[in-house]
């Protein structure tokens, strides 16, 4: 089971925590852990970890957003130039 230890490698500790979390979930439940971060406002990252009892997936927000745009525009070849900046417009 997960134990917090500041001397361990952070990535290993997080992976271990996620794996332990999946073991205690009921069959019909999922947990979504979202993270958004930046590096001095130059590079933005956004992803979610979706955990079920039997599977763990990581979803990149940018890729999921482009896929959603493809569906909304009915254009399987939709592409965009994205460099981590821009304006969000609500319709």
Protein backbone atom coordinates (compact mmCIF):
# COMPACT_ATOMS: atom_id res chain seq x y z
CA UNK A 1 0.00 0.00 0.00
CA UNK A 2 1.07 3.62 -0.53
CA UNK A 3 3.32 5.21 2.07
CA UNK A 4 4.56 8.79 1.84
CA UNK A 5 8.35 9.02 1.93
CA UNK A 6 10.15 12.20 0.88
CA UNK A 7 13.36 10.27 0.15
CA UNK A 8 11.84 8.23 -2.71
CA UNK A 9 11.79 9.29 -6.34
CA UNK A 10 8.66 11.43 -6.91
CA UNK A 11 7.67 9.75 -10.20
CA UNK A 12 7.91 6.27 -8.70
CA UNK A 13 5.98 7.37 -5.65
CA UNK A 14 3.18 8.88 -7.74
CA UNK A 15 2.94 5.77 -9.94
CA UNK A 16 2.82 3.59 -6.86
CA UNK A 17 0.07 5.75 -5.38
CA UNK A 18 -2.01 5.52 -8.58
CA UNK A 19 -1.56 1.73 -8.75
CA UNK A 20 -2.59 1.35 -5.11
CA UNK A 21 -5.58 3.60 -5.71
CA UNK A 22 -6.81 1.36 -8.53
CA UNK A 23 -6.75 -1.65 -6.21
CA UNK A 24 -9.31 -0.17 -3.82
CA UNK A 25 -11.81 1.06 -6.41
CA UNK A 26 -15.10 -0.79 -6.91
CA UNK A 27 -15.64 -2.34 -10.37
CA UNK A 28 -18.05 0.40 -11.49
CA UNK A 29 -16.11 3.47 -10.30
CA UNK A 30 -13.45 5.71 -11.81
CA UNK A 31 -11.30 8.51 -10.46
CA UNK A 32 -10.11 11.35 -12.69
CA UNK A 33 -7.08 13.32 -11.50
CA UNK A 34 -6.41 16.46 -13.57
CA UNK A 35 -3.23 18.50 -13.59
CA UNK A 36 -2.41 21.76 -15.32
CA UNK A 37 1.00 23.35 -15.00
CA UNK A 38 3.46 25.69 -16.66
CA UNK A 39 7.13 26.47 -16.82
CA UNK A 40 7.59 30.21 -16.28
CA UNK A 41 4.46 30.78 -18.38
CA UNK A 42 6.32 29.53 -21.48
CA UNK A 43 5.10 25.96 -21.74
CA UNK A 44 1.72 24.75 -20.55
CA UNK A 45 0.85 21.14 -19.88
CA UNK A 46 -2.54 19.73 -19.07
CA UNK A 47 -3.47 16.11 -18.64
CA UNK A 48 -5.70 13.82 -16.68
CA UNK A 49 -5.12 10.38 -15.23
CA UNK A 50 -8.21 8.18 -15.39
CA UNK A 51 -8.09 5.29 -12.92
CA UNK A 52 -10.41 2.29 -12.76
CA UNK A 53 -9.98 -0.99 -10.95
CA UNK A 54 -8.59 -2.64 -14.10
CA UNK A 55 -7.00 0.14 -16.14
CA UNK A 56 -5.04 3.38 -15.82
CA UNK A 57 -4.94 5.84 -18.73
CA UNK A 58 -3.37 9.25 -19.20
CA UNK A 59 -5.26 11.74 -21.36
CA UNK A 60 -3.44 14.74 -22.83
CA UNK A 61 -5.79 17.74 -22.84
CA UNK A 62 -4.43 19.20 -26.09
CA UNK A 63 -4.85 15.96 -28.05
CA UNK A 64 -8.32 15.41 -26.59
CA UNK A 65 -9.28 18.98 -27.53
CA UNK A 66 -8.12 18.58 -31.13
CA UNK A 67 -10.07 15.33 -31.37
CA UNK A 68 -13.15 17.11 -30.03
CA UNK A 69 -12.69 19.90 -32.60
CA UNK A 70 -12.49 17.28 -35.36
CA UNK A 71 -15.84 15.88 -34.25
CA UNK A 72 -17.46 19.30 -33.85
CA UNK A 73 -16.29 20.42 -37.31
CA UNK A 74 -16.91 17.02 -38.97
CA UNK A 75 -13.33 17.27 -40.25
CA UNK A 76 -11.11 14.26 -39.55
CA UNK A 77 -8.11 16.18 -40.94
CA UNK A 78 -8.48 19.21 -38.64
CA UNK A 79 -5.12 20.53 -37.48
CA UNK A 80 -4.00 23.55 -35.52
CA UNK A 81 -0.79 25.38 -34.69
CA UNK A 82 -0.55 25.48 -30.93
CA UNK A 83 2.29 26.99 -28.97
CA UNK A 84 0.68 27.30 -25.56
CA UNK A 85 -0.80 30.76 -25.99
CA UNK A 86 -3.97 32.17 -27.41
CA UNK A 87 -7.40 33.37 -26.52
CA UNK A 88 -10.33 31.23 -25.44
CA UNK A 89 -13.61 32.34 -26.93
CA UNK A 90 -16.87 31.02 -25.49
CA UNK A 91 -19.65 30.52 -28.02
